[in-house]
Amino acid sequence: MTNDVITKKYILKPGVHQFVPSSAAIHNNENLSDEEAVWYLQRYPHIEALFAPQPPKVGVIIQSKNTRKSMTNEDSNKGGSK
């Protein structure tokens, strides 16, 4: 198991964070594994706000100029009530 921030699923916002009420703020990206993050999130759902949002894992959507279709006047008259 790697603790590399690039490959981690759960990334904390910058700083040191407190997860458990009345405990010390000791958690950061260097000392928190994904497995531990899941465990804490199950028990303390309020800490979700301490994690940075993750981009989707599906890739990048690229829109090509060739995929657009221009609408003609004839097309704009279709589908409406007459």
C-alpha atoms as a PDB file:
ATOM      1  CA  MET A   1       0.000   0.000   0.000  1.00  0.00           C
ATOM      2  CA  THR A   2       1.410   3.300  -1.047  1.00  0.00           C
ATOM      3  CA  ASN A   3       0.773   6.491   0.829  1.00  0.00           C
ATOM      4  CA  ASP A   4       1.558   8.651  -2.211  1.00  0.00           C
ATOM      5  CA  VAL A   5      -0.772  11.662  -2.365  1.00  0.00           C
ATOM      6  CA  ILE A   6      -1.100  11.271  -6.141  1.00  0.00           C
ATOM      7  CA  THR A   7      -2.476   7.722  -5.927  1.00  0.00           C
ATOM      8  CA  LYS A   8      -4.585   8.168  -2.788  1.00  0.00           C
ATOM      9  CA  LYS A   9      -8.356   8.192  -3.064  1.00  0.00           C
ATOM     10  CA  TYR A  10      -8.860  10.321   0.058  1.00  0.00           C
ATOM     11  CA  ILE A  11      -6.929  13.600   0.162  1.00  0.00           C
ATOM     12  CA  LEU A  12      -7.259  15.935   3.128  1.00  0.00           C
ATOM     13  CA  LYS A  13      -7.407  19.679   2.732  1.00  0.00           C
ATOM     14  CA  PRO A  14      -4.134  21.378   3.772  1.00  0.00           C
ATOM     15  CA  GLY A  15      -3.326  21.435   7.469  1.00  0.00           C
ATOM     16  CA  VAL A  16      -3.721  19.085  10.420  1.00  0.00           C
ATOM     17  CA  HIS A  17      -7.229  17.872  11.195  1.00  0.00           C
ATOM     18  CA  GLN A  18      -9.188  16.573  14.179  1.00  0.00           C
ATOM     19  CA  PHE A  19     -11.490  13.649  13.361  1.00  0.00           C
ATOM     20  CA  VAL A  20     -12.706  12.479  16.762  1.00  0.00           C
ATOM     21  CA  PRO A  21     -14.355  14.963  19.138  1.00  0.00           C
ATOM     22  CA  SER A  22     -12.115  15.827  22.106  1.00  0.00           C
ATOM     23  CA  SER A  23      -9.036  14.361  20.409  1.00  0.00           C
ATOM     24  CA  ALA A  24      -5.934  16.109  19.139  1.00  0.00           C
ATOM     25  CA  ALA A  25      -5.657  17.357  15.550  1.00  0.00           C
ATOM     26  CA  ILE A  26      -3.129  14.825  14.275  1.00  0.00           C
ATOM     27  CA  HIS A  27      -4.337  13.735  10.839  1.00  0.00           C
ATOM     28  CA  ASN A  28      -2.751  14.872   7.583  1.00  0.00           C
ATOM     29  CA  ASN A  29      -2.039  13.350   4.163  1.00  0.00           C
ATOM     30  CA  GLU A  30       1.307  11.941   5.251  1.00  0.00           C
ATOM     31  CA  ASN A  31      -0.079   9.850   8.114  1.00  0.00           C
ATOM     32  CA  LEU A  32      -3.532   8.845   6.833  1.00  0.00           C
ATOM     33  CA  SER A  33      -4.075   5.856   4.541  1.00  0.00           C
ATOM     34  CA  ASP A  34      -7.164   5.310   2.389  1.00  0.00           C
ATOM     35  CA  GLU A  35      -8.216   2.409   4.612  1.00  0.00           C
ATOM     36  CA  GLU A  36      -8.040   4.581   7.720  1.00  0.00           C
ATOM     37  CA  ALA A  37      -9.944   7.366   5.956  1.00  0.00           C
ATOM     38  CA  VAL A  38     -12.780   4.966   5.109  1.00  0.00           C
ATOM     39  CA  TRP A  39     -12.879   3.738   8.718  1.00  0.00           C
ATOM     40  CA  TYR A  40     -13.069   7.279  10.103  1.00  0.00           C
ATOM     41  CA  LEU A  41     -15.664   8.411   7.537  1.00  0.00           C
ATOM     42  CA  GLN A  42     -17.935   5.498   8.448  1.00  0.00           C
ATOM     43  CA  ARG A  43     -17.819   6.431  12.127  1.00  0.00           C
ATOM     44  CA  TYR A  44     -17.626  10.224  11.806  1.00  0.00           C
ATOM     45  CA  PRO A  45     -19.464  11.310   8.631  1.00  0.00           C
ATOM     46  CA  HIS A  46     -19.102  14.979   9.586  1.00  0.00           C
ATOM     47  CA  ILE A  47     -15.400  14.870   8.683  1.00  0.00           C
ATOM     48  CA  GLU A  48     -16.193  14.550   4.974  1.00  0.00           C
ATOM     49  CA  ALA A  49     -15.832  18.337   4.740  1.00  0.00           C
ATOM     50  CA  LEU A  50     -12.152  17.992   5.733  1.00  0.00           C
ATOM     51  CA  PHE A  51     -11.367  16.142   2.505  1.00  0.00           C
ATOM     52  CA  ALA A  52     -10.604  17.831  -0.799  1.00  0.00           C
ATOM     53  CA  PRO A  53     -12.989  17.075  -3.668  1.00  0.00           C
ATOM     54  CA  GLN A  54     -11.593  14.567  -6.131  1.00  0.00           C
ATOM     55  CA  PRO A  55     -11.848  14.922  -9.911  1.00  0.00           C
ATOM     56  CA  PRO A  56     -13.740  12.165 -11.728  1.00  0.00           C
ATOM     57  CA  LYS A  57     -11.636   9.126 -12.615  1.00  0.00           C
ATOM     58  CA  VAL A  58     -13.178   8.656 -16.087  1.00  0.00           C
ATOM     59  CA  GLY A  59     -10.899  10.955 -18.071  1.00  0.00           C
ATOM     60  CA  VAL A  60     -11.273  14.159 -20.002  1.00  0.00           C
ATOM     61  CA  ILE A  61     -14.099  14.956 -22.386  1.00  0.00           C
ATOM     62  CA  ILE A  62     -12.891  16.744 -25.502  1.00  0.00           C
ATOM     63  CA  GLN A  63     -15.386  18.449 -27.764  1.00  0.00           C
ATOM     64  CA  SER A  64     -14.377  18.629 -31.382  1.00  0.00           C
ATOM     65  CA  LYS A  65     -15.566  21.360 -33.738  1.00  0.00           C
ATOM     66  CA  ASN A  66     -16.599  18.634 -36.171  1.00  0.00           C
ATOM     67  CA  THR A  67     -19.130  17.120 -33.750  1.00  0.00           C
ATOM     68  CA  ARG A  68     -21.338  20.192 -33.662  1.00  0.00           C
ATOM     69  CA  LYS A  69     -24.297  20.444 -35.988  1.00  0.00           C
ATOM     70  CA  SER A  70     -25.662  23.794 -36.946  1.00  0.00           C
ATOM     71  CA  MET A  71     -29.409  24.219 -37.004  1.00  0.00           C
ATOM     72  CA  THR A  72     -30.973  25.556 -40.185  1.00  0.00           C
ATOM     73  CA  ASN A  73     -34.266  27.429 -40.332  1.00  0.00           C
ATOM     74  CA  GLU A  74     -35.919  24.284 -41.643  1.00  0.00           C
ATOM     75  CA  ASP A  75     -34.705  22.295 -38.585  1.00  0.00           C
ATOM     76  CA  SER A  76     -35.993  24.945 -36.180  1.00  0.00           C
ATOM     77  CA  ASN A  77     -39.567  24.475 -37.431  1.00  0.00           C
ATOM     78  CA  LYS A  78     -39.595  20.743 -36.564  1.00  0.00           C
ATOM     79  CA  GLY A  79     -41.107  19.451 -33.366  1.00  0.00           C
ATOM     80  CA  GLY A  80     -43.341  22.361 -32.524  1.00  0.00           C
ATOM     81  CA  SER A  81     -47.112  22.581 -32.659  1.00  0.00           C
ATOM     82  CA  LYS A  82     -48.655  23.927 -35.863  1.00  0.00           C
END
